[in-house]
Amino acid sequence: MSESNAILTFQAHPEINGTSAKKAMLGDDGTYTCVQTPKQLEETIARCEGPQDGLAILDRVIQWVYE
């Protein structure tokens, strides 16, 4: 909790990268991906191949710690 009473929680999964996330979504039987239309799922999978924002997220977490 920060001094401004903001609470931040997260669970990191450094073992998951774009390649493994893509494989998981392609292999899903619909249990997790059923909330997306086929087009949305296709777009989500395509984003797995692009640049990742892990370092930007880490930077924001570090900024939050000092707030």
PDB file of N, CA and C in Angstrom:
ATOM      1  N   MET A   1       0.848  -1.172   0.000  1.00  0.00           N
ATOM      2  CA  MET A   1       0.000   0.000   0.000  1.00  0.00           C
ATOM      3  C   MET A   1       0.894   1.235   0.000  1.00  0.00           C
ATOM      4  N   SER A   2       0.540   2.191  -0.826  1.00  0.00           N
ATOM      5  CA  SER A   2       1.323   3.419  -0.887  1.00  0.00           C
ATOM      6  C   SER A   2       0.796   4.414   0.136  1.00  0.00           C
ATOM      7  N   GLU A   3       1.506   5.513   0.288  1.00  0.00           N
ATOM      8  CA  GLU A   3       1.073   6.555   1.219  1.00  0.00           C
ATOM      9  C   GLU A   3      -0.284   7.124   0.833  1.00  0.00           C
ATOM     10  N   SER A   4      -0.642   7.047  -0.448  1.00  0.00           N
ATOM     11  CA  SER A   4      -1.936   7.559  -0.902  1.00  0.00           C
ATOM     12  C   SER A   4      -3.039   6.507  -0.776  1.00  0.00           C
ATOM     13  N   ASN A   5      -2.747   5.411  -0.077  1.00  0.00           N
ATOM     14  CA  ASN A   5      -3.682   4.304   0.135  1.00  0.00           C
ATOM     15  C   ASN A   5      -4.006   3.518  -1.125  1.00  0.00           C
ATOM     16  N   ALA A   6      -3.179   3.654  -2.156  1.00  0.00           N
ATOM     17  CA  ALA A   6      -3.356   2.830  -3.343  1.00  0.00           C
ATOM     18  C   ALA A   6      -2.738   1.464  -3.080  1.00  0.00           C
ATOM     19  N   ILE A   7      -3.409   0.446  -3.533  1.00  0.00           N
ATOM     20  CA  ILE A   7      -2.917  -0.920  -3.349  1.00  0.00           C
ATOM     21  C   ILE A   7      -2.617  -1.508  -4.714  1.00  0.00           C
ATOM     22  N   LEU A   8      -1.471  -2.121  -4.829  1.00  0.00           N
ATOM     23  CA  LEU A   8      -1.079  -2.770  -6.073  1.00  0.00           C
ATOM     24  C   LEU A   8      -0.720  -4.212  -5.761  1.00  0.00           C
ATOM     25  N   THR A   9      -1.334  -5.122  -6.476  1.00  0.00           N
ATOM     26  CA  THR A   9      -0.962  -6.530  -6.354  1.00  0.00           C
ATOM     27  C   THR A   9      -0.772  -7.065  -7.762  1.00  0.00           C
ATOM     28  N   PHE A  10       0.120  -8.001  -7.903  1.00  0.00           N
ATOM     29  CA  PHE A  10       0.316  -8.637  -9.194  1.00  0.00           C
ATOM     30  C   PHE A  10       1.007  -9.965  -8.973  1.00  0.00           C
ATOM     31  N   GLN A  11       0.848 -10.824  -9.927  1.00  0.00           N
ATOM     32  CA  GLN A  11       1.521 -12.109  -9.906  1.00  0.00           C
ATOM     33  C   GLN A  11       2.248 -12.249 -11.229  1.00  0.00           C
ATOM     34  N   ALA A  12       3.534 -12.197 -11.147  1.00  0.00           N
ATOM     35  CA  ALA A  12       4.342 -12.283 -12.364  1.00  0.00           C
ATOM     36  C   ALA A  12       4.525 -13.736 -12.790  1.00  0.00           C
ATOM     37  N   HIS A  13       4.649 -13.920 -14.063  1.00  0.00           N
ATOM     38  CA  HIS A  13       4.927 -15.233 -14.633  1.00  0.00           C
ATOM     39  C   HIS A  13       6.067 -15.075 -15.631  1.00  0.00           C
ATOM     40  N   PRO A  14       7.287 -14.934 -15.133  1.00  0.00           N
ATOM     41  CA  PRO A  14       8.408 -14.726 -16.054  1.00  0.00           C
ATOM     42  C   PRO A  14       8.663 -15.896 -16.988  1.00  0.00           C
ATOM     43  N   GLU A  15       8.100 -17.044 -16.650  1.00  0.00           N
ATOM     44  CA  GLU A  15       8.293 -18.201 -17.522  1.00  0.00           C
ATOM     45  C   GLU A  15       7.418 -18.134 -18.772  1.00  0.00           C
ATOM     46  N   ILE A  16       6.460 -17.217 -18.782  1.00  0.00           N
ATOM     47  CA  ILE A  16       5.566 -17.081 -19.925  1.00  0.00           C
ATOM     48  C   ILE A  16       6.073 -15.951 -20.818  1.00  0.00           C
ATOM     49  N   ASN A  17       6.373 -16.297 -22.031  1.00  0.00           N
ATOM     50  CA  ASN A  17       6.753 -15.282 -23.013  1.00  0.00           C
ATOM     51  C   ASN A  17       5.742 -15.344 -24.153  1.00  0.00           C
ATOM     52  N   GLY A  18       5.948 -14.559 -25.179  1.00  0.00           N
ATOM     53  CA  GLY A  18       4.997 -14.527 -26.285  1.00  0.00           C
ATOM     54  C   GLY A  18       4.794 -15.876 -26.942  1.00  0.00           C
ATOM     55  N   THR A  19       5.867 -16.628 -27.102  1.00  0.00           N
ATOM     56  CA  THR A  19       5.781 -17.934 -27.755  1.00  0.00           C
ATOM     57  C   THR A  19       4.955 -18.918 -26.934  1.00  0.00           C
ATOM     58  N   SER A  20       5.227 -18.997 -25.637  1.00  0.00           N
ATOM     59  CA  SER A  20       4.486 -19.950 -24.805  1.00  0.00           C
ATOM     60  C   SER A  20       3.034 -19.515 -24.613  1.00  0.00           C
ATOM     61  N   ALA A  21       2.775 -18.207 -24.557  1.00  0.00           N
ATOM     62  CA  ALA A  21       1.394 -17.728 -24.448  1.00  0.00           C
ATOM     63  C   ALA A  21       0.609 -18.079 -25.707  1.00  0.00           C
ATOM     64  N   LYS A  22       1.247 -17.911 -26.854  1.00  0.00           N
ATOM     65  CA  LYS A  22       0.599 -18.235 -28.124  1.00  0.00           C
ATOM     66  C   LYS A  22       0.265 -19.727 -28.184  1.00  0.00           C
ATOM     67  N   LYS A  23       1.215 -20.572 -27.798  1.00  0.00           N
ATOM     68  CA  LYS A  23       0.973 -22.021 -27.805  1.00  0.00           C
ATOM     69  C   LYS A  23      -0.164 -22.392 -26.865  1.00  0.00           C
ATOM     70  N   ALA A  24      -0.215 -21.745 -25.703  1.00  0.00           N
ATOM     71  CA  ALA A  24      -1.280 -22.041 -24.742  1.00  0.00           C
ATOM     72  C   ALA A  24      -2.648 -21.667 -25.312  1.00  0.00           C
ATOM     73  N   MET A  25      -2.730 -20.521 -25.952  1.00  0.00           N
ATOM     74  CA  MET A  25      -4.015 -20.102 -26.522  1.00  0.00           C
ATOM     75  C   MET A  25      -4.426 -20.983 -27.691  1.00  0.00           C
ATOM     76  N   LEU A  26      -3.464 -21.359 -28.532  1.00  0.00           N
ATOM     77  CA  LEU A  26      -3.792 -22.217 -29.675  1.00  0.00           C
ATOM     78  C   LEU A  26      -4.206 -23.613 -29.227  1.00  0.00           C
ATOM     79  N   GLY A  27      -3.681 -24.067 -28.099  1.00  0.00           N
ATOM     80  CA  GLY A  27      -4.004 -25.400 -27.608  1.00  0.00           C
ATOM     81  C   GLY A  27      -5.196 -25.445 -26.674  1.00  0.00           C
ATOM     82  N   ASP A  28      -5.771 -24.293 -26.345  1.00  0.00           N
ATOM     83  CA  ASP A  28      -6.896 -24.234 -25.419  1.00  0.00           C
ATOM     84  C   ASP A  28      -8.136 -24.855 -26.042  1.00  0.00           C
ATOM     85  N   ASP A  29      -8.890 -25.560 -25.238  1.00  0.00           N
ATOM     86  CA  ASP A  29     -10.117 -26.196 -25.730  1.00  0.00           C
ATOM     87  C   ASP A  29     -11.321 -25.255 -25.680  1.00  0.00           C
ATOM     88  N   GLY A  30     -11.068 -23.993 -25.401  1.00  0.00           N
ATOM     89  CA  GLY A  30     -12.151 -23.021 -25.317  1.00  0.00           C
ATOM     90  C   GLY A  30     -12.501 -22.636 -23.890  1.00  0.00           C
ATOM     91  N   THR A  31     -11.921 -23.328 -22.936  1.00  0.00           N
ATOM     92  CA  THR A  31     -12.209 -23.046 -21.531  1.00  0.00           C
ATOM     93  C   THR A  31     -11.839 -21.615 -21.166  1.00  0.00           C
ATOM     94  N   TYR A  32     -10.697 -21.156 -21.635  1.00  0.00           N
ATOM     95  CA  TYR A  32     -10.221 -19.817 -21.290  1.00  0.00           C
ATOM     96  C   TYR A  32     -10.432 -18.811 -22.415  1.00  0.00           C
ATOM     97  N   THR A  33     -10.399 -19.274 -23.631  1.00  0.00           N
ATOM     98  CA  THR A  33     -10.496 -18.354 -24.766  1.00  0.00           C
ATOM     99  C   THR A  33     -11.931 -18.143 -25.229  1.00  0.00           C
ATOM    100  N   CYS A  34     -12.899 -18.764 -24.586  1.00  0.00           N
ATOM    101  CA  CYS A  34     -14.294 -18.667 -25.028  1.00  0.00           C
ATOM    102  C   CYS A  34     -14.866 -17.263 -24.866  1.00  0.00           C
ATOM    103  N   VAL A  35     -14.222 -16.409 -24.087  1.00  0.00           N
ATOM    104  CA  VAL A  35     -14.736 -15.054 -23.886  1.00  0.00           C
ATOM    105  C   VAL A  35     -14.384 -14.132 -25.046  1.00  0.00           C
ATOM    106  N   GLN A  36     -13.598 -14.618 -25.981  1.00  0.00           N
ATOM    107  CA  GLN A  36     -13.210 -13.823 -27.142  1.00  0.00           C
ATOM    108  C   GLN A  36     -13.855 -14.379 -28.396  1.00  0.00           C
ATOM    109  N   THR A  37     -14.182 -13.469 -29.297  1.00  0.00           N
ATOM    110  CA  THR A  37     -14.647 -13.913 -30.605  1.00  0.00           C
ATOM    111  C   THR A  37     -13.436 -14.486 -31.345  1.00  0.00           C
ATOM    112  N   PRO A  38     -13.660 -15.268 -32.392  1.00  0.00           N
ATOM    113  CA  PRO A  38     -12.515 -15.775 -33.154  1.00  0.00           C
ATOM    114  C   PRO A  38     -11.588 -14.661 -33.641  1.00  0.00           C
ATOM    115  N   LYS A  39     -12.155 -13.522 -34.056  1.00  0.00           N
ATOM    116  CA  LYS A  39     -11.333 -12.403 -34.522  1.00  0.00           C
ATOM    117  C   LYS A  39     -10.524 -11.810 -33.364  1.00  0.00           C
ATOM    118  N   GLN A  40     -11.133 -11.663 -32.195  1.00  0.00           N
ATOM    119  CA  GLN A  40     -10.411 -11.140 -31.030  1.00  0.00           C
ATOM    120  C   GLN A  40      -9.277 -12.077 -30.634  1.00  0.00           C
ATOM    121  N   LEU A  41      -9.550 -13.375 -30.672  1.00  0.00           N
ATOM    122  CA  LEU A  41      -8.521 -14.353 -30.329  1.00  0.00           C
ATOM    123  C   LEU A  41      -7.368 -14.281 -31.322  1.00  0.00           C
ATOM    124  N   GLU A  42      -7.687 -14.148 -32.595  1.00  0.00           N
ATOM    125  CA  GLU A  42      -6.652 -14.018 -33.623  1.00  0.00           C
ATOM    126  C   GLU A  42      -5.785 -12.786 -33.358  1.00  0.00           C
ATOM    127  N   GLU A  43      -6.416 -11.672 -32.988  1.00  0.00           N
ATOM    128  CA  GLU A  43      -5.675 -10.440 -32.700  1.00  0.00           C
ATOM    129  C   GLU A  43      -4.809 -10.592 -31.448  1.00  0.00           C
ATOM    130  N   THR A  44      -5.336 -11.265 -30.448  1.00  0.00           N
ATOM    131  CA  THR A  44      -4.575 -11.495 -29.210  1.00  0.00           C
ATOM    132  C   THR A  44      -3.350 -12.343 -29.494  1.00  0.00           C
ATOM    133  N   ILE A  45      -3.533 -13.399 -30.267  1.00  0.00           N
ATOM    134  CA  ILE A  45      -2.416 -14.273 -30.608  1.00  0.00           C
ATOM    135  C   ILE A  45      -1.378 -13.506 -31.436  1.00  0.00           C
ATOM    136  N   ALA A  46      -1.823 -12.656 -32.344  1.00  0.00           N
ATOM    137  CA  ALA A  46      -0.892 -11.867 -33.159  1.00  0.00           C
ATOM    138  C   ALA A  46      -0.054 -10.937 -32.280  1.00  0.00           C
ATOM    139  N   ARG A  47      -0.651 -10.391 -31.211  1.00  0.00           N
ATOM    140  CA  ARG A  47       0.106  -9.511 -30.315  1.00  0.00           C
ATOM    141  C   ARG A  47       1.207 -10.266 -29.582  1.00  0.00           C
ATOM    142  N   CYS A  48       1.064 -11.567 -29.428  1.00  0.00           N
ATOM    143  CA  CYS A  48       2.099 -12.373 -28.765  1.00  0.00           C
ATOM    144  C   CYS A  48       3.405 -12.346 -29.552  1.00  0.00           C
ATOM    145  N   GLU A  49       3.306 -12.105 -30.850  1.00  0.00           N
ATOM    146  CA  GLU A  49       4.491 -12.096 -31.703  1.00  0.00           C
ATOM    147  C   GLU A  49       5.189 -10.746 -31.715  1.00  0.00           C
ATOM    148  N   GLY A  50       4.543  -9.719 -31.176  1.00  0.00           N
ATOM    149  CA  GLY A  50       5.107  -8.377 -31.173  1.00  0.00           C
ATOM    150  C   GLY A  50       5.964  -8.129 -29.943  1.00  0.00           C
ATOM    151  N   PRO A  51       6.412  -6.893 -29.812  1.00  0.00           N
ATOM    152  CA  PRO A  51       7.241  -6.540 -28.656  1.00  0.00           C
ATOM    153  C   PRO A  51       6.433  -6.672 -27.361  1.00  0.00           C
ATOM    154  N   GLN A  52       7.108  -7.013 -26.314  1.00  0.00           N
ATOM    155  CA  GLN A  52       6.468  -7.193 -25.016  1.00  0.00           C
ATOM    156  C   GLN A  52       6.715  -5.962 -24.153  1.00  0.00           C
ATOM    157  N   ASP A  53       5.867  -5.743 -23.156  1.00  0.00           N
ATOM    158  CA  ASP A  53       5.963  -4.539 -22.335  1.00  0.00           C
ATOM    159  C   ASP A  53       6.411  -4.813 -20.905  1.00  0.00           C
ATOM    160  N   GLY A  54       7.062  -5.943 -20.693  1.00  0.00           N
ATOM    161  CA  GLY A  54       7.479  -6.313 -19.350  1.00  0.00           C
ATOM    162  C   GLY A  54       8.358  -5.284 -18.668  1.00  0.00           C
ATOM    163  N   LEU A  55       9.300  -4.696 -19.403  1.00  0.00           N
ATOM    164  CA  LEU A  55      10.178  -3.699 -18.790  1.00  0.00           C
ATOM    165  C   LEU A  55       9.415  -2.425 -18.455  1.00  0.00           C
ATOM    166  N   ALA A  56       8.456  -2.033 -19.279  1.00  0.00           N
ATOM    167  CA  ALA A  56       7.645  -0.851 -18.990  1.00  0.00           C
ATOM    168  C   ALA A  56       6.789  -1.085 -17.747  1.00  0.00           C
ATOM    169  N   ILE A  57       6.269  -2.282 -17.616  1.00  0.00           N
ATOM    170  CA  ILE A  57       5.469  -2.604 -16.437  1.00  0.00           C
ATOM    171  C   ILE A  57       6.346  -2.590 -15.195  1.00  0.00           C
ATOM    172  N   LEU A  58       7.522  -3.175 -15.279  1.00  0.00           N
ATOM    173  CA  LEU A  58       8.443  -3.156 -14.145  1.00  0.00           C
ATOM    174  C   LEU A  58       8.781  -1.723 -13.751  1.00  0.00           C
ATOM    175  N   ASP A  59       9.020  -0.854 -14.725  1.00  0.00           N
ATOM    176  CA  ASP A  59       9.314   0.545 -14.442  1.00  0.00           C
ATOM    177  C   ASP A  59       8.158   1.191 -13.696  1.00  0.00           C
ATOM    178  N   ARG A  60       6.923   0.904 -14.120  1.00  0.00           N
ATOM    179  CA  ARG A  60       5.752   1.486 -13.448  1.00  0.00           C
ATOM    180  C   ARG A  60       5.634   0.972 -12.024  1.00  0.00           C
ATOM    181  N   VAL A  61       5.911  -0.282 -11.796  1.00  0.00           N
ATOM    182  CA  VAL A  61       5.866  -0.852 -10.445  1.00  0.00           C
ATOM    183  C   VAL A  61       6.879  -0.142  -9.555  1.00  0.00           C
ATOM    184  N   ILE A  62       8.055   0.061 -10.078  1.00  0.00           N
ATOM    185  CA  ILE A  62       9.112   0.743  -9.295  1.00  0.00           C
ATOM    186  C   ILE A  62       8.679   2.182  -8.990  1.00  0.00           C
ATOM    187  N   GLN A  63       8.080   2.863  -9.968  1.00  0.00           N
ATOM    188  CA  GLN A  63       7.577   4.216  -9.716  1.00  0.00           C
ATOM    189  C   GLN A  63       6.518   4.206  -8.616  1.00  0.00           C
ATOM    190  N   TRP A  64       5.627   3.224  -8.673  1.00  0.00           N
ATOM    191  CA  TRP A  64       4.551   3.123  -7.685  1.00  0.00           C
ATOM    192  C   TRP A  64       5.118   2.975  -6.280  1.00  0.00           C
ATOM    193  N   VAL A  65       6.192   2.199  -6.147  1.00  0.00           N
ATOM    194  CA  VAL A  65       6.795   1.980  -4.832  1.00  0.00           C
ATOM    195  C   VAL A  65       7.207   3.310  -4.209  1.00  0.00           C
ATOM    196  N   TYR A  66       7.668   4.242  -5.018  1.00  0.00           N
ATOM    197  CA  TYR A  66       8.132   5.525  -4.504  1.00  0.00           C
ATOM    198  C   TYR A  66       7.034   6.568  -4.363  1.00  0.00           C
ATOM    199  N   GLU A  67       5.814   6.248  -4.800  1.00  0.00           N
ATOM    200  CA  GLU A  67       4.693   7.226  -4.681  1.00  0.00           C
ATOM    201  C   GLU A  67       4.202   7.335  -3.259  1.00  0.00           C
TER     202      GLU A  67
END
